[in-house]
Amino acid sequence: MKKRDMNNIEVKDRKRILILGGGFAGIEILRRLENKFVNDFTVDVNMVSKDNFFLFTPMLPEVASGMIETRHIVTPVRAFCKRARFYEATVRSIDFQKKQVTISNAIDDRNESANWHDHILDYDYLVISLGGETNFFGMEDVKKYSYTMKSLGDAIALRNHVIDMLEQASIEQDRELRKTLMTFVVVGAGFAGVETVGELNVLVRDAVRDFYHDVDIQDIRVILADAMDKVLPEVSDDLSKFAAQKLKESGIEIILKSPVSSATLYDMKLKDGTVIGTHTLVWAGGVTPEKIVKELQCEHDKGGRIIVDGYLEVKGIDGVYALGDCASITDPHTERPYPPTAQNAVEQAKVVANNLISAIRGGNKVSFNYKSRGIMAQIGKRKGVGILFGMKTHGLLAWMIWRSYYLSHLPTLEKKLRVLTDWSIDLFFKPDVTRLKTFTEIQERKE
């Protein structure tokens, strides 16, 4: 006897859609498929993500600076699931021939002896939106001694470390050592690096002014470094120059055309031989696909991203789509790959969702041919730069547009209100310099 569900629909006749990744692209596809198939039991929608929440990554720098409360930029994935199944797990392997994905979850992952359990998920249609990981370009020492800004844990760890540096500098009597404690370096002058260095600069200077009176504000040194020859290479030259000018006016040093060659716990070295003493190195130097994506049996570009056709379907493999940071998608307007932004990921998700619905229900597939409405970056306190509908904007207006745009794209009304409240409180009160000890730090102190 064949197994049937509550609506007497044979299990083998169901169409199974499996989404890998719970970022902007994955969540947008999930929401659209849920709205279409919520009462249709002939279609199953499943999602796998290593975290059980959706992270609003554009606001990570503001979490690191303490302007926004941690929980206000995360939403449980299950809040988007009306009928879809969600699995918090790691993707171990993808078999295109068998149409199977192996996932693993850890039982009690507090130590290295955690028990990993493998599970196999079958699919008829697969969506790969696994994002990417920080690219250190093979520099293991930089990877070991730098902070990153890819996850919520990264933002919390950086904030705790920066406040620790302030506390140490307040105690330290050695002037030269105190200067290295008060030197903060961000590598990578793209959007992530510029927004991170802007928030970091505000946090450090405001904290010293309001709380750390033993620290000389002249000892603060905040540096933005990059191997490229301009800040924000994604924008026009005049906007790039404006951003650089405003960053400098706020006290940030800019070092360009100077690749990093090595790092230790106490300094960073550039390829021209310059050594910068610092205990805080933040790496925002690029993104690369995860290992599992690079090893898939399909076409890849030079960076390891999956090559897709105009419908965002993996070339040569029917029913498998890839999008977001792990996919190589050429912009027909510029003949260059689309930049890995949240805006592009959401627009790609709309196309994939439409094509999945068309494949199951019938209809016309659509190709991805999106022209960006604009790009914005926050470069410090009440300052921004950007291009919106072809018009260049900067300063306070750009900053207000940046905030309005991202506020409107937060996934729930609750999160919108909480972030708006955080922003309002920041206008009237001093920065919070509470340092929350992590579980690891508490255990180390006990030992």
Protein backbone atom coordinates (compact mmCIF):
# COMPACT_ATOMS: atom_id res chain seq x y z
CA MET A 1 0.00 0.00 0.00
CA LYS A 2 1.29 3.42 -0.94
CA LYS A 3 1.76 5.94 1.80
CA ARG A 4 -0.70 8.83 1.66
CA ASP A 5 -1.08 12.04 3.59
CA MET A 6 -4.15 13.53 5.23
CA ASN A 7 -5.45 14.75 1.88
CA ASN A 8 -5.01 11.34 0.15
CA ILE A 9 -2.31 12.68 -2.16
CA GLU A 10 0.33 10.07 -2.90
CA VAL A 11 3.70 11.05 -1.51
CA LYS A 12 5.47 10.08 -4.73
CA ASP A 13 3.34 12.56 -6.68
CA ARG A 14 4.40 15.54 -4.61
CA LYS A 15 6.78 18.13 -5.99
CA ARG A 16 9.54 18.76 -3.48
CA ILE A 17 11.32 22.11 -3.47
CA LEU A 18 14.46 22.34 -1.32
CA ILE A 19 16.02 25.72 -0.51
CA LEU A 20 19.59 25.78 0.81
CA GLY A 21 20.43 28.98 2.69
CA GLY A 22 18.39 31.35 4.85
CA GLY A 23 19.76 34.70 3.70
CA PHE A 24 18.02 37.42 1.70
CA ALA A 25 17.61 35.24 -1.41
CA GLY A 26 16.48 32.09 0.38
CA ILE A 27 13.95 33.85 2.60
CA GLU A 28 12.43 35.80 -0.30
CA ILE A 29 11.92 32.59 -2.28
CA LEU A 30 10.46 30.86 0.78
CA ARG A 31 7.97 33.65 1.36
CA ARG A 32 6.80 33.70 -2.25
CA LEU A 33 6.44 29.93 -2.51
CA GLU A 34 4.59 29.81 0.81
CA ASN A 35 2.10 32.41 -0.44
CA LYS A 36 1.54 30.39 -3.62
CA PHE A 37 1.41 26.86 -2.23
CA VAL A 38 0.28 27.30 1.38
CA ASN A 39 -2.96 25.37 0.74
CA ASP A 40 -1.59 23.14 -2.00
CA PHE A 41 -0.50 19.80 -0.54
CA THR A 42 0.90 18.61 -3.88
CA VAL A 43 3.95 20.81 -3.24
CA ASP A 44 6.38 20.58 -0.33
CA VAL A 45 8.74 23.44 0.44
CA ASN A 46 11.74 22.74 2.70
CA MET A 47 14.56 25.01 3.82
CA VAL A 48 17.98 24.22 5.28
CA SER A 49 20.12 26.85 7.02
CA LYS A 50 22.98 26.66 9.51
CA ASP A 51 21.23 29.31 11.65
CA ASN A 52 17.61 29.26 12.76
CA PHE A 53 17.25 32.97 12.06
CA PHE A 54 17.34 35.41 9.17
CA LEU A 55 20.04 38.05 9.74
CA PHE A 56 19.59 41.55 8.34
CA THR A 57 23.28 41.91 7.46
CA PRO A 58 23.28 45.57 6.29
CA MET A 59 22.79 46.62 9.91
CA LEU A 60 25.61 44.50 11.37
CA PRO A 61 27.99 47.48 11.71
CA GLU A 62 25.39 49.26 13.85
CA VAL A 63 25.16 46.20 16.09
CA ALA A 64 28.94 46.29 16.46
CA SER A 65 28.79 49.94 17.49
CA GLY A 66 25.95 49.27 19.94
CA MET A 67 23.50 51.56 18.17
CA ILE A 68 21.09 48.70 17.46
CA GLU A 69 20.21 45.92 19.90
CA THR A 70 21.39 42.48 18.77
CA ARG A 71 18.02 40.73 18.60
CA HIS A 72 16.43 43.53 16.59
CA ILE A 73 18.06 42.55 13.30
CA VAL A 74 17.32 38.83 13.50
CA THR A 75 14.04 37.04 12.80
CA PRO A 76 13.42 33.31 13.37
CA VAL A 77 13.19 31.45 10.07
CA ARG A 78 10.17 29.59 11.45
CA ALA A 79 8.33 32.91 11.58
CA PHE A 80 8.22 32.73 7.76
CA CYS A 81 7.13 29.08 7.65
CA LYS A 82 3.37 28.63 7.29
CA ARG A 83 3.59 25.04 6.06
CA ALA A 84 7.21 24.74 4.96
CA ARG A 85 9.61 22.55 6.94
CA PHE A 86 12.78 24.08 8.30
CA TYR A 87 15.99 22.26 9.21
CA GLU A 88 18.75 23.98 11.19
CA ALA A 89 21.68 21.99 9.86
CA THR A 90 24.88 22.07 7.82
CA VAL A 91 24.84 21.02 4.18
CA ARG A 92 27.34 18.17 3.78
CA SER A 93 26.89 17.12 0.16
CA ILE A 94 24.72 17.65 -2.92
CA ASP A 95 24.14 14.83 -5.41
CA PHE A 96 22.64 16.15 -8.65
CA GLN A 97 22.26 12.66 -10.16
CA LYS A 98 20.31 11.19 -7.24
CA LYS A 99 18.61 14.52 -6.50
CA GLN A 100 19.59 14.27 -2.86
CA VAL A 101 21.15 16.59 -0.29
CA THR A 102 22.87 15.30 2.85
CA ILE A 103 22.59 17.52 5.90
CA SER A 104 24.08 17.17 9.38
CA ASN A 105 23.09 18.47 12.80
CA ALA A 106 25.25 18.39 15.92
CA ILE A 107 23.96 16.92 19.17
CA ASP A 108 25.40 19.01 22.02
CA ASP A 109 27.88 21.11 20.04
CA ARG A 110 29.51 22.77 23.06
CA ASN A 111 32.70 20.81 22.55
CA GLU A 112 34.70 19.05 19.84
CA SER A 113 33.19 15.66 20.71
CA ALA A 114 29.72 16.66 19.51
CA ASN A 115 27.76 13.89 17.79
CA TRP A 116 26.92 14.68 14.17
CA HIS A 117 23.83 13.07 12.68
CA ASP A 118 23.40 12.87 8.91
CA HIS A 119 20.04 13.05 7.15
CA ILE A 120 19.16 12.73 3.47
CA LEU A 121 16.65 15.06 1.83
CA ASP A 122 15.22 14.27 -1.61
CA TYR A 123 14.20 17.02 -3.99
CA ASP A 124 12.63 17.63 -7.38
CA TYR A 125 13.71 21.26 -7.51
CA LEU A 126 16.77 22.64 -5.71
CA VAL A 127 17.68 26.23 -4.87
CA ILE A 128 21.30 26.93 -3.89
CA SER A 129 21.61 30.24 -2.04
CA LEU A 130 24.37 29.39 0.42
CA GLY A 131 25.97 32.81 0.34
CA GLY A 132 29.71 32.96 0.86
CA GLU A 133 32.46 33.14 3.41
CA THR A 134 35.21 35.65 4.06
CA ASN A 135 38.06 35.46 1.56
CA PHE A 136 41.49 35.78 3.18
CA PHE A 137 43.31 35.01 -0.10
CA GLY A 138 45.32 32.24 1.53
CA MET A 139 46.75 34.38 4.34
CA GLU A 140 46.29 32.10 7.33
CA ASP A 141 47.91 34.55 9.76
CA VAL A 142 45.46 37.28 8.75
CA LYS A 143 42.60 34.82 9.16
CA LYS A 144 43.85 33.90 12.64
CA TYR A 145 44.38 37.41 13.98
CA SER A 146 41.58 39.42 12.38
CA TYR A 147 37.92 40.03 13.12
CA THR A 148 35.27 39.71 10.43
CA MET A 149 31.77 41.12 9.88
CA LYS A 150 29.77 38.27 8.36
CA SER A 151 27.67 37.06 11.27
CA LEU A 152 25.93 38.22 14.42
CA GLY A 153 28.67 36.56 16.45
CA ASP A 154 31.26 38.57 14.52
CA ALA A 155 29.57 41.87 15.42
CA ILE A 156 29.27 40.94 19.09
CA ALA A 157 32.88 39.73 19.27
CA LEU A 158 34.20 42.91 17.63
CA ARG A 159 32.18 45.15 19.94
CA ASN A 160 33.42 43.31 23.03
CA HIS A 161 37.00 43.49 21.80
CA VAL A 162 36.85 47.22 21.04
CA ILE A 163 35.46 47.99 24.49
CA ASP A 164 38.17 45.77 25.99
CA MET A 165 40.80 47.84 24.14
CA LEU A 166 39.31 51.00 25.63
CA GLU A 167 39.44 49.51 29.11
CA GLN A 168 43.05 48.36 28.65
CA ALA A 169 44.12 51.74 27.27
CA SER A 170 42.53 53.46 30.25
CA ILE A 171 44.81 51.47 32.56
CA GLU A 172 48.00 51.33 30.50
CA GLN A 173 50.84 53.73 31.45
CA ASP A 174 53.12 52.90 28.52
CA ARG A 175 52.30 55.60 25.93
CA GLU A 176 53.47 53.59 22.91
CA LEU A 177 51.53 50.50 23.95
CA ARG A 178 48.47 52.64 24.61
CA LYS A 179 48.69 53.97 21.06
CA THR A 180 48.66 50.47 19.59
CA LEU A 181 45.67 49.61 21.79
CA MET A 182 43.92 52.65 20.34
CA THR A 183 44.76 51.82 16.71
CA PHE A 184 41.92 50.17 14.81
CA VAL A 185 42.39 48.93 11.24
CA VAL A 186 39.68 47.90 8.78
CA VAL A 187 40.88 46.25 5.57
CA GLY A 188 38.55 46.50 2.59
CA ALA A 189 37.16 49.78 1.24
CA GLY A 190 33.97 48.37 -0.26
CA PHE A 191 30.54 48.90 1.25
CA ALA A 192 31.07 46.54 4.18
CA GLY A 193 34.46 47.99 5.09
CA VAL A 194 33.40 51.63 4.76
CA GLU A 195 30.27 51.19 6.87
CA THR A 196 32.19 49.18 9.47
CA VAL A 197 35.01 51.71 9.80
CA GLY A 198 32.48 54.55 10.03
CA GLU A 199 30.60 52.93 12.90
CA LEU A 200 33.80 51.84 14.62
CA ASN A 201 35.18 55.37 14.46
CA VAL A 202 32.01 56.83 15.99
CA LEU A 203 31.94 54.23 18.78
CA VAL A 204 35.57 54.75 19.81
CA ARG A 205 35.57 58.54 19.68
CA ASP A 206 32.22 58.96 21.44
CA ALA A 207 33.18 56.44 24.13
CA VAL A 208 36.51 58.18 24.83
CA ARG A 209 34.82 61.58 24.95
CA ASP A 210 32.04 60.46 27.31
CA PHE A 211 33.61 57.76 29.49
CA TYR A 212 37.35 57.11 29.06
CA HIS A 213 38.84 60.35 30.31
CA ASP A 214 42.22 58.70 30.98
CA VAL A 215 42.64 58.11 27.25
CA ASP A 216 43.99 60.95 25.11
CA ILE A 217 41.73 61.34 22.10
CA GLN A 218 44.87 62.21 20.10
CA ASP A 219 46.02 58.61 20.59
CA ILE A 220 43.03 57.28 18.62
CA ARG A 221 43.94 56.06 15.17
CA VAL A 222 41.28 54.53 12.90
CA ILE A 223 42.56 53.30 9.53
CA LEU A 224 40.82 52.09 6.36
CA ALA A 225 43.17 50.16 4.06
CA ASP A 226 42.66 48.56 0.67
CA ALA A 227 44.66 47.17 -2.24
CA MET A 228 42.47 49.11 -4.69
CA ASP A 229 43.06 52.74 -5.68
CA LYS A 230 39.73 54.17 -4.47
CA VAL A 231 37.15 54.00 -1.72
CA LEU A 232 33.83 52.42 -2.69
CA PRO A 233 34.85 51.21 -6.17
CA GLU A 234 31.18 50.44 -6.88
CA VAL A 235 30.24 54.14 -7.10
CA SER A 236 31.33 56.96 -9.44
CA ASP A 237 34.67 58.69 -8.96
CA ASP A 238 33.17 61.89 -7.58
CA LEU A 239 31.06 60.03 -5.01
CA SER A 240 34.08 57.92 -4.10
CA LYS A 241 36.14 61.07 -3.54
CA PHE A 242 33.34 62.59 -1.48
CA ALA A 243 33.15 59.48 0.71
CA ALA A 244 36.92 59.52 1.20
CA GLN A 245 36.83 63.22 2.07
CA LYS A 246 34.11 62.76 4.69
CA LEU A 247 35.85 59.75 6.19
CA LYS A 248 39.05 61.79 6.54
CA GLU A 249 37.15 64.72 8.07
CA SER A 250 35.81 62.37 10.74
CA GLY A 251 39.36 61.36 11.66
CA ILE A 252 39.80 58.18 9.61
CA GLU A 253 43.10 57.58 7.81
CA ILE A 254 42.85 56.03 4.35
CA ILE A 255 45.64 53.88 2.91
CA LEU A 256 45.06 52.76 -0.70
CA LYS A 257 47.00 50.66 -3.20
CA SER A 258 48.57 48.85 -0.22
CA PRO A 259 47.73 45.14 0.04
CA VAL A 260 48.13 43.42 3.40
CA SER A 261 50.91 40.83 3.47
CA SER A 262 50.79 39.47 7.03
CA ALA A 263 49.48 39.99 10.54
CA THR A 264 50.27 39.08 14.14
CA LEU A 265 48.45 39.59 17.39
CA TYR A 266 50.19 42.97 17.77
CA ASP A 267 50.59 44.41 14.26
CA MET A 268 49.78 44.29 10.57
CA LYS A 269 52.25 44.47 7.68
CA LEU A 270 51.62 45.89 4.20
CA LYS A 271 53.36 44.66 1.06
CA ASP A 272 55.36 47.88 0.83
CA GLY A 273 56.94 47.02 4.17
CA THR A 274 54.89 49.38 6.33
CA VAL A 275 54.14 47.91 9.77
CA ILE A 276 51.17 49.23 11.74
CA GLY A 277 51.03 48.40 15.41
CA THR A 278 47.47 47.39 16.29
CA HIS A 279 45.54 44.92 18.38
CA THR A 280 42.40 45.33 16.27
CA LEU A 281 42.37 44.19 12.64
CA VAL A 282 38.98 43.90 10.95
CA TRP A 283 38.96 42.06 7.64
CA ALA A 284 36.32 43.09 5.09
CA GLY A 285 38.44 42.21 2.07
CA GLY A 286 36.07 40.08 0.04
CA VAL A 287 33.82 37.04 -0.16
CA THR A 288 34.35 33.60 -1.67
CA PRO A 289 31.89 30.71 -2.08
CA GLU A 290 31.88 27.97 0.52
CA LYS A 291 33.92 24.84 -0.15
CA ILE A 292 30.85 22.72 -0.86
CA VAL A 293 29.80 25.15 -3.61
CA LYS A 294 33.25 25.15 -5.23
CA GLU A 295 33.30 21.35 -5.31
CA LEU A 296 29.91 20.87 -7.00
CA GLN A 297 29.94 19.04 -10.32
CA CYS A 298 28.89 22.00 -12.44
CA GLU A 299 30.41 25.01 -14.20
CA HIS A 300 32.15 27.64 -12.06
CA ASP A 301 33.78 30.98 -12.72
CA LYS A 302 37.36 31.77 -11.71
CA GLY A 303 36.24 32.65 -8.20
CA GLY A 304 34.40 29.37 -7.68
CA ARG A 305 30.89 30.78 -8.07
CA ILE A 306 28.29 28.69 -9.88
CA ILE A 307 27.60 29.76 -13.47
CA VAL A 308 23.89 30.04 -14.26
CA ASP A 309 21.88 30.85 -17.37
CA GLY A 310 19.55 33.79 -17.87
CA TYR A 311 16.81 32.03 -15.88
CA LEU A 312 19.24 31.55 -12.96
CA GLU A 313 19.23 27.80 -13.55
CA VAL A 314 22.55 25.98 -13.15
CA LYS A 315 23.93 25.36 -16.61
CA GLY A 316 23.35 21.77 -17.75
CA ILE A 317 21.34 20.71 -14.68
CA ASP A 318 17.57 20.93 -14.93
CA GLY A 319 15.59 21.98 -11.89
CA VAL A 320 18.56 23.38 -9.97
CA TYR A 321 18.85 27.14 -9.43
CA ALA A 322 21.64 29.20 -7.89
CA LEU A 323 21.62 32.84 -6.82
CA GLY A 324 23.10 35.35 -4.42
CA ASP A 325 26.77 35.43 -3.40
CA CYS A 326 27.44 31.84 -4.53
CA ALA A 327 26.32 32.41 -8.14
CA SER A 328 28.00 34.16 -11.06
CA ILE A 329 25.34 36.29 -12.78
CA THR A 330 26.33 38.70 -15.53
CA ASP A 331 24.67 42.10 -15.66
CA PRO A 332 23.68 42.67 -19.33
CA HIS A 333 23.84 46.43 -18.75
CA THR A 334 27.49 46.43 -17.67
CA GLU A 335 28.75 43.02 -18.91
CA ARG A 336 30.16 42.51 -15.40
CA PRO A 337 28.95 40.22 -12.61
CA TYR A 338 26.25 41.68 -10.39
CA PRO A 339 27.72 42.85 -7.07
CA PRO A 340 26.84 40.68 -4.06
CA THR A 341 24.27 43.02 -2.50
CA ALA A 342 21.03 42.31 -0.66
CA GLN A 343 19.10 44.29 -3.26
CA ASN A 344 20.33 42.06 -6.09
CA ALA A 345 19.75 38.88 -4.09
CA VAL A 346 16.11 39.79 -3.47
CA GLU A 347 15.50 40.60 -7.13
CA GLN A 348 17.12 37.32 -8.18
CA ALA A 349 14.90 35.49 -5.69
CA LYS A 350 11.78 36.92 -7.31
CA VAL A 351 12.86 35.49 -10.67
CA VAL A 352 13.69 32.05 -9.23
CA ALA A 353 10.38 31.88 -7.34
CA ASN A 354 8.48 32.77 -10.52
CA ASN A 355 10.35 30.13 -12.54
CA LEU A 356 9.74 27.44 -9.92
CA ILE A 357 6.02 28.22 -9.89
CA SER A 358 5.98 28.17 -13.71
CA ALA A 359 7.80 24.82 -13.80
CA ILE A 360 5.22 23.25 -11.46
CA ARG A 361 2.01 24.97 -12.48
CA GLY A 362 2.81 25.93 -16.03
CA GLY A 363 3.52 29.38 -17.34
CA ASN A 364 6.26 31.47 -18.81
CA LYS A 365 9.72 31.50 -17.31
CA VAL A 366 11.34 34.89 -16.93
CA SER A 367 14.98 35.84 -17.25
CA PHE A 368 16.94 37.99 -14.84
CA ASN A 369 17.50 41.42 -16.33
CA TYR A 370 17.63 43.80 -13.42
CA LYS A 371 18.99 47.30 -13.37
CA SER A 372 19.83 48.50 -9.88
CA ARG A 373 17.65 51.30 -8.53
CA GLY A 374 20.60 52.62 -6.62
CA ILE A 375 23.40 51.93 -4.18
CA MET A 376 23.83 53.57 -0.80
CA ALA A 377 26.45 53.50 1.93
CA GLN A 378 26.51 54.97 5.42
CA ILE A 379 29.95 56.47 6.09
CA GLY A 380 29.59 57.68 9.64
CA LYS A 381 27.32 59.60 11.94
CA ARG A 382 24.55 61.17 9.84
CA LYS A 383 26.60 60.96 6.62
CA GLY A 384 26.09 58.83 3.54
CA VAL A 385 26.77 58.57 -0.18
CA GLY A 386 24.84 56.91 -2.95
CA ILE A 387 23.24 56.83 -6.37
CA LEU A 388 19.46 56.62 -6.48
CA PHE A 389 17.65 56.24 -9.82
CA GLY A 390 20.75 57.64 -11.51
CA MET A 391 20.95 60.69 -9.22
CA LYS A 392 23.97 61.20 -6.99
CA THR A 393 23.35 62.10 -3.39
CA HIS A 394 25.53 62.53 -0.33
CA GLY A 395 25.65 63.85 3.21
CA LEU A 396 22.64 63.97 5.52
CA LEU A 397 20.10 63.32 2.74
CA ALA A 398 21.90 60.15 1.63
CA TRP A 399 22.10 58.98 5.24
CA MET A 400 18.34 59.52 5.72
CA ILE A 401 17.54 57.66 2.49
CA TRP A 402 19.83 54.80 3.54
CA ARG A 403 18.06 54.45 6.86
CA SER A 404 14.57 54.73 5.37
CA TYR A 405 15.31 52.14 2.70
CA TYR A 406 16.69 49.52 5.07
CA LEU A 407 14.06 50.20 7.71
CA SER A 408 11.34 49.53 5.13
CA HIS A 409 12.98 46.22 4.19
CA LEU A 410 13.16 44.77 7.69
CA PRO A 411 10.95 41.66 7.56
CA THR A 412 8.38 42.36 10.29
CA LEU A 413 6.61 45.36 11.80
CA GLU A 414 7.99 44.40 15.22
CA LYS A 415 11.60 44.63 14.00
CA LYS A 416 10.91 47.92 12.23
CA LEU A 417 9.57 49.45 15.44
CA ARG A 418 12.42 48.09 17.56
CA VAL A 419 15.14 49.41 15.23
CA LEU A 420 13.38 52.77 14.93
CA THR A 421 13.30 52.95 18.73
CA ASP A 422 17.02 52.13 18.90
CA TRP A 423 17.82 54.91 16.44
CA SER A 424 15.68 57.38 18.38
CA ILE A 425 17.34 56.54 21.70
CA ASP A 426 20.77 57.01 20.11
CA LEU A 427 19.90 60.63 19.31
CA PHE A 428 19.50 61.54 22.98
CA PHE A 429 21.78 59.29 25.03
CA LYS A 430 25.45 58.45 25.33
CA PRO A 431 26.81 55.19 23.82
CA ASP A 432 26.52 52.01 25.88
CA VAL A 433 29.98 50.67 26.68
CA THR A 434 28.85 47.55 28.53
CA ARG A 435 31.10 44.61 27.69
CA LEU A 436 29.30 41.29 27.85
CA LYS A 437 31.59 38.35 28.61
CA THR A 438 31.15 35.41 26.25
CA PHE A 439 30.77 31.82 27.43
CA THR A 440 34.35 31.07 26.37
CA GLU A 441 35.78 34.03 28.30
CA ILE A 442 33.89 33.01 31.44
CA GLN A 443 35.20 29.44 31.17
CA GLU A 444 38.78 30.64 30.61
CA ARG A 445 38.61 32.87 33.68
CA LYS A 446 37.36 29.95 35.82
CA GLU A 447 40.25 27.82 34.64
